[in-house]
Amino acid sequence: MTALGDVGTNTEILPNMGVKMIQCVFADTVIGGSDDATVDLGDFGCTNIHGILCFDETTTGSIVVTEAPITTVSSGVVTITFGGTATGAKTVILFAY
């Protein structure tokens, strides 16, 4: 397992609605089933997640599939362990509070 750390571009896309939506975009070098990444929820005023959606671009600009990553939260930092086996750009939507 390769711990990539906080390597994504994280953007709050639905501010001030109770539960925040945070879009996390990871590079096309992320390997499913092998890599994990972190997101510091404290950067968005949150400490917990309510839900997660993960999309994997298996063919650049063409095919996007959903994934079910494994997540853990410790001290307000989410660790996302990517599923599957494909290497590709991944976009994660975190619902956090």
N, C-alpha and C. Protein backbone atom coordinates (compact mmCIF):
# COMPACT_ATOMS: atom_id res chain seq x y z
N MET A 1 0.84 -1.17 0.00
CA MET A 1 0.00 0.00 0.00
C MET A 1 0.89 1.24 0.00
N THR A 2 0.66 2.12 -0.94
CA THR A 2 1.42 3.36 -1.01
C THR A 2 0.59 4.49 -0.43
N ALA A 3 1.08 5.09 0.64
CA ALA A 3 0.39 6.23 1.25
C ALA A 3 0.82 7.49 0.53
N LEU A 4 -0.08 8.06 -0.25
CA LEU A 4 0.24 9.24 -1.05
C LEU A 4 0.15 10.53 -0.26
N GLY A 5 -0.53 10.51 0.88
CA GLY A 5 -0.71 11.73 1.67
C GLY A 5 -1.74 12.64 1.04
N ASP A 6 -1.65 13.91 1.36
CA ASP A 6 -2.61 14.90 0.87
C ASP A 6 -2.14 15.39 -0.50
N VAL A 7 -2.48 14.63 -1.54
CA VAL A 7 -1.95 14.90 -2.88
C VAL A 7 -2.99 15.46 -3.83
N GLY A 8 -4.23 15.57 -3.37
CA GLY A 8 -5.30 16.01 -4.27
C GLY A 8 -5.52 17.50 -4.23
N THR A 9 -6.36 17.95 -5.14
CA THR A 9 -6.86 19.32 -5.14
C THR A 9 -8.24 19.29 -4.52
N ASN A 10 -8.40 19.90 -3.36
CA ASN A 10 -9.64 19.81 -2.60
C ASN A 10 -10.37 21.14 -2.64
N THR A 11 -11.66 21.10 -3.02
CA THR A 11 -12.46 22.30 -3.18
C THR A 11 -13.82 22.09 -2.56
N GLU A 12 -14.25 23.02 -1.72
CA GLU A 12 -15.61 22.96 -1.17
C GLU A 12 -16.56 23.44 -2.25
N ILE A 13 -17.50 22.57 -2.68
CA ILE A 13 -18.36 22.93 -3.80
C ILE A 13 -19.79 23.26 -3.39
N LEU A 14 -20.13 23.06 -2.14
CA LEU A 14 -21.46 23.41 -1.67
C LEU A 14 -21.35 23.96 -0.25
N PRO A 15 -20.88 25.19 -0.12
CA PRO A 15 -20.63 25.73 1.22
C PRO A 15 -21.92 26.13 1.94
N ASN A 16 -21.84 26.16 3.25
CA ASN A 16 -22.90 26.71 4.10
C ASN A 16 -24.26 26.04 3.95
N MET A 17 -24.28 24.72 3.76
CA MET A 17 -25.55 24.00 3.61
C MET A 17 -25.71 22.93 4.69
N GLY A 18 -25.03 23.08 5.82
CA GLY A 18 -25.10 22.09 6.88
C GLY A 18 -24.05 21.02 6.67
N VAL A 19 -24.29 20.11 5.76
CA VAL A 19 -23.29 19.13 5.37
C VAL A 19 -22.53 19.72 4.20
N LYS A 20 -21.21 19.73 4.28
CA LYS A 20 -20.41 20.30 3.20
C LYS A 20 -20.06 19.23 2.17
N MET A 21 -19.99 19.64 0.92
CA MET A 21 -19.52 18.76 -0.15
C MET A 21 -18.12 19.22 -0.54
N ILE A 22 -17.17 18.30 -0.45
CA ILE A 22 -15.79 18.62 -0.78
C ILE A 22 -15.37 17.76 -1.96
N GLN A 23 -14.98 18.41 -3.04
CA GLN A 23 -14.52 17.69 -4.23
C GLN A 23 -13.01 17.51 -4.12
N CYS A 24 -12.56 16.27 -4.21
CA CYS A 24 -11.13 15.94 -4.12
C CYS A 24 -10.73 15.29 -5.44
N VAL A 25 -9.81 15.91 -6.15
CA VAL A 25 -9.38 15.40 -7.45
C VAL A 25 -7.94 14.90 -7.32
N PHE A 26 -7.74 13.64 -7.69
CA PHE A 26 -6.43 13.01 -7.58
C PHE A 26 -5.87 12.71 -8.97
N ALA A 27 -4.56 12.73 -9.08
CA ALA A 27 -3.88 12.57 -10.37
C ALA A 27 -4.13 11.20 -11.01
N ASP A 28 -3.83 11.13 -12.31
CA ASP A 28 -4.05 9.89 -13.04
C ASP A 28 -3.00 8.82 -12.74
N THR A 29 -2.15 9.08 -11.77
CA THR A 29 -1.14 8.08 -11.37
C THR A 29 -1.59 7.25 -10.17
N VAL A 30 -2.79 7.53 -9.64
CA VAL A 30 -3.30 6.78 -8.49
C VAL A 30 -3.67 5.37 -8.93
N ILE A 31 -3.22 4.39 -8.18
CA ILE A 31 -3.47 2.99 -8.51
C ILE A 31 -4.49 2.41 -7.53
N GLY A 32 -5.62 1.98 -8.05
CA GLY A 32 -6.63 1.36 -7.21
C GLY A 32 -6.13 0.06 -6.62
N GLY A 33 -6.51 -0.21 -5.36
CA GLY A 33 -6.08 -1.43 -4.70
C GLY A 33 -4.65 -1.35 -4.17
N SER A 34 -3.99 -0.24 -4.43
CA SER A 34 -2.59 -0.11 -4.02
C SER A 34 -2.32 1.20 -3.27
N ASP A 35 -3.01 2.27 -3.63
CA ASP A 35 -2.72 3.60 -3.08
C ASP A 35 -3.82 4.09 -2.15
N ASP A 36 -3.41 4.95 -1.22
CA ASP A 36 -4.39 5.67 -0.42
C ASP A 36 -3.94 7.13 -0.32
N ALA A 37 -4.89 7.99 0.00
CA ALA A 37 -4.62 9.43 0.10
C ALA A 37 -5.36 9.97 1.31
N THR A 38 -4.97 11.17 1.74
CA THR A 38 -5.61 11.79 2.89
C THR A 38 -6.19 13.15 2.54
N VAL A 39 -7.23 13.52 3.28
CA VAL A 39 -7.85 14.84 3.16
C VAL A 39 -8.06 15.35 4.58
N ASP A 40 -7.55 16.55 4.85
CA ASP A 40 -7.70 17.15 6.18
C ASP A 40 -9.03 17.91 6.22
N LEU A 41 -10.01 17.32 6.91
CA LEU A 41 -11.33 17.94 7.00
C LEU A 41 -11.29 19.26 7.76
N GLY A 42 -10.30 19.44 8.62
CA GLY A 42 -10.16 20.68 9.37
C GLY A 42 -9.99 21.89 8.47
N ASP A 43 -9.45 21.68 7.27
CA ASP A 43 -9.31 22.77 6.30
C ASP A 43 -10.66 23.34 5.88
N PHE A 44 -11.72 22.57 6.11
CA PHE A 44 -13.07 22.97 5.72
C PHE A 44 -13.99 23.14 6.92
N GLY A 45 -13.41 23.13 8.12
CA GLY A 45 -14.19 23.31 9.33
C GLY A 45 -14.99 22.08 9.73
N CYS A 46 -14.55 20.90 9.31
CA CYS A 46 -15.26 19.65 9.59
C CYS A 46 -14.36 18.69 10.36
N THR A 47 -14.99 17.69 10.97
CA THR A 47 -14.22 16.65 11.66
C THR A 47 -14.66 15.24 11.29
N ASN A 48 -15.83 15.09 10.67
CA ASN A 48 -16.39 13.77 10.35
C ASN A 48 -16.91 13.73 8.92
N ILE A 49 -17.04 12.50 8.39
CA ILE A 49 -17.69 12.37 7.08
C ILE A 49 -19.04 11.70 7.26
N HIS A 50 -19.95 12.08 6.38
CA HIS A 50 -21.30 11.52 6.37
C HIS A 50 -21.44 10.53 5.22
N GLY A 51 -20.71 10.77 4.13
CA GLY A 51 -20.77 9.88 2.97
C GLY A 51 -19.65 10.19 2.00
N ILE A 52 -19.51 9.30 1.01
CA ILE A 52 -18.45 9.46 0.02
C ILE A 52 -18.90 8.87 -1.31
N LEU A 53 -18.55 9.55 -2.38
CA LEU A 53 -18.71 9.03 -3.74
C LEU A 53 -17.33 9.05 -4.38
N CYS A 54 -16.97 8.00 -5.09
CA CYS A 54 -15.67 7.95 -5.75
C CYS A 54 -15.86 7.58 -7.21
N PHE A 55 -15.24 8.36 -8.08
CA PHE A 55 -15.30 8.12 -9.52
C PHE A 55 -13.89 7.90 -10.04
N ASP A 56 -13.74 6.89 -10.91
CA ASP A 56 -12.43 6.54 -11.47
C ASP A 56 -12.50 6.70 -12.98
N GLU A 57 -11.61 7.52 -13.52
CA GLU A 57 -11.55 7.70 -14.98
C GLU A 57 -10.61 6.64 -15.53
N THR A 58 -11.19 5.49 -15.93
CA THR A 58 -10.38 4.35 -16.36
C THR A 58 -9.79 4.55 -17.75
N THR A 59 -10.42 5.33 -18.56
CA THR A 59 -9.89 5.71 -19.87
C THR A 59 -9.98 7.22 -19.96
N THR A 60 -8.85 7.89 -20.11
CA THR A 60 -8.79 9.35 -20.05
C THR A 60 -9.81 10.00 -20.96
N GLY A 61 -10.67 10.83 -20.36
CA GLY A 61 -11.67 11.57 -21.11
C GLY A 61 -12.79 10.75 -21.69
N SER A 62 -12.91 9.48 -21.29
CA SER A 62 -13.89 8.63 -21.94
C SER A 62 -14.74 7.81 -20.98
N ILE A 63 -14.13 6.96 -20.18
CA ILE A 63 -14.89 6.03 -19.35
C ILE A 63 -14.71 6.38 -17.88
N VAL A 64 -15.83 6.59 -17.20
CA VAL A 64 -15.82 6.88 -15.77
C VAL A 64 -16.68 5.84 -15.07
N VAL A 65 -16.13 5.21 -14.04
CA VAL A 65 -16.87 4.22 -13.26
C VAL A 65 -16.88 4.67 -11.80
N THR A 66 -17.84 4.14 -11.04
CA THR A 66 -17.87 4.43 -9.61
C THR A 66 -17.07 3.36 -8.87
N GLU A 67 -16.55 3.75 -7.73
CA GLU A 67 -15.81 2.84 -6.87
C GLU A 67 -16.33 2.95 -5.45
N ALA A 68 -16.01 1.97 -4.64
CA ALA A 68 -16.36 2.00 -3.22
C ALA A 68 -15.08 1.94 -2.40
N PRO A 69 -14.46 3.11 -2.16
CA PRO A 69 -13.22 3.10 -1.38
C PRO A 69 -13.50 2.84 0.09
N ILE A 70 -12.47 2.48 0.80
CA ILE A 70 -12.55 2.31 2.25
C ILE A 70 -12.05 3.60 2.88
N THR A 71 -12.77 4.11 3.87
CA THR A 71 -12.35 5.35 4.52
C THR A 71 -12.24 5.15 6.02
N THR A 72 -11.30 5.88 6.59
CA THR A 72 -11.19 5.98 8.05
C THR A 72 -10.96 7.44 8.38
N VAL A 73 -11.43 7.85 9.55
CA VAL A 73 -11.23 9.23 10.01
C VAL A 73 -10.52 9.17 11.35
N SER A 74 -9.41 9.92 11.44
CA SER A 74 -8.66 10.00 12.68
C SER A 74 -8.22 11.45 12.86
N SER A 75 -8.63 12.05 13.97
CA SER A 75 -8.28 13.45 14.28
C SER A 75 -8.64 14.39 13.13
N GLY A 76 -9.79 14.14 12.49
CA GLY A 76 -10.26 15.02 11.43
C GLY A 76 -9.60 14.83 10.08
N VAL A 77 -8.77 13.80 9.94
CA VAL A 77 -8.13 13.51 8.66
C VAL A 77 -8.72 12.23 8.09
N VAL A 78 -9.26 12.31 6.88
CA VAL A 78 -9.84 11.15 6.20
C VAL A 78 -8.74 10.46 5.42
N THR A 79 -8.60 9.16 5.60
CA THR A 79 -7.73 8.35 4.75
C THR A 79 -8.63 7.58 3.80
N ILE A 80 -8.39 7.75 2.51
CA ILE A 80 -9.18 7.10 1.47
C ILE A 80 -8.32 6.00 0.85
N THR A 81 -8.76 4.75 0.99
CA THR A 81 -8.07 3.63 0.37
C THR A 81 -8.84 3.26 -0.88
N PHE A 82 -8.23 3.48 -2.03
CA PHE A 82 -8.91 3.28 -3.31
C PHE A 82 -9.07 1.81 -3.62
N GLY A 83 -10.24 1.46 -4.19
CA GLY A 83 -10.52 0.08 -4.56
C GLY A 83 -10.17 -0.17 -6.01
N GLY A 84 -10.59 -1.32 -6.49
CA GLY A 84 -10.33 -1.67 -7.88
C GLY A 84 -8.87 -1.94 -8.14
N THR A 85 -8.52 -2.01 -9.43
CA THR A 85 -7.13 -2.26 -9.81
C THR A 85 -6.66 -1.29 -10.87
N ALA A 86 -7.54 -0.41 -11.32
CA ALA A 86 -7.21 0.48 -12.42
C ALA A 86 -6.34 1.65 -11.97
N THR A 87 -5.48 2.10 -12.87
CA THR A 87 -4.72 3.33 -12.66
C THR A 87 -5.44 4.41 -13.43
N GLY A 88 -5.79 5.50 -12.76
CA GLY A 88 -6.50 6.56 -13.46
C GLY A 88 -6.81 7.71 -12.52
N ALA A 89 -7.21 8.84 -13.11
CA ALA A 89 -7.60 10.00 -12.32
C ALA A 89 -8.83 9.64 -11.50
N LYS A 90 -8.84 10.06 -10.26
CA LYS A 90 -9.97 9.75 -9.39
C LYS A 90 -10.52 11.06 -8.82
N THR A 91 -11.85 11.12 -8.77
CA THR A 91 -12.53 12.25 -8.15
C THR A 91 -13.38 11.69 -7.01
N VAL A 92 -13.21 12.28 -5.85
CA VAL A 92 -13.97 11.86 -4.67
C VAL A 92 -14.81 13.03 -4.20
N ILE A 93 -16.07 12.78 -3.91
CA ILE A 93 -16.94 13.77 -3.30
C ILE A 93 -17.17 13.32 -1.86
N LEU A 94 -16.70 14.13 -0.91
CA LEU A 94 -16.92 13.85 0.51
C LEU A 94 -18.06 14.71 1.02
N PHE A 95 -18.97 14.11 1.75
CA PHE A 95 -20.01 14.84 2.46
C PHE A 95 -19.55 14.88 3.90
N ALA A 96 -19.21 16.07 4.38
CA ALA A 96 -18.56 16.18 5.68
C ALA A 96 -19.30 17.18 6.58
N TYR A 97 -19.10 17.01 7.88
CA TYR A 97 -19.68 17.94 8.86
C TYR A 97 -18.73 18.13 10.01
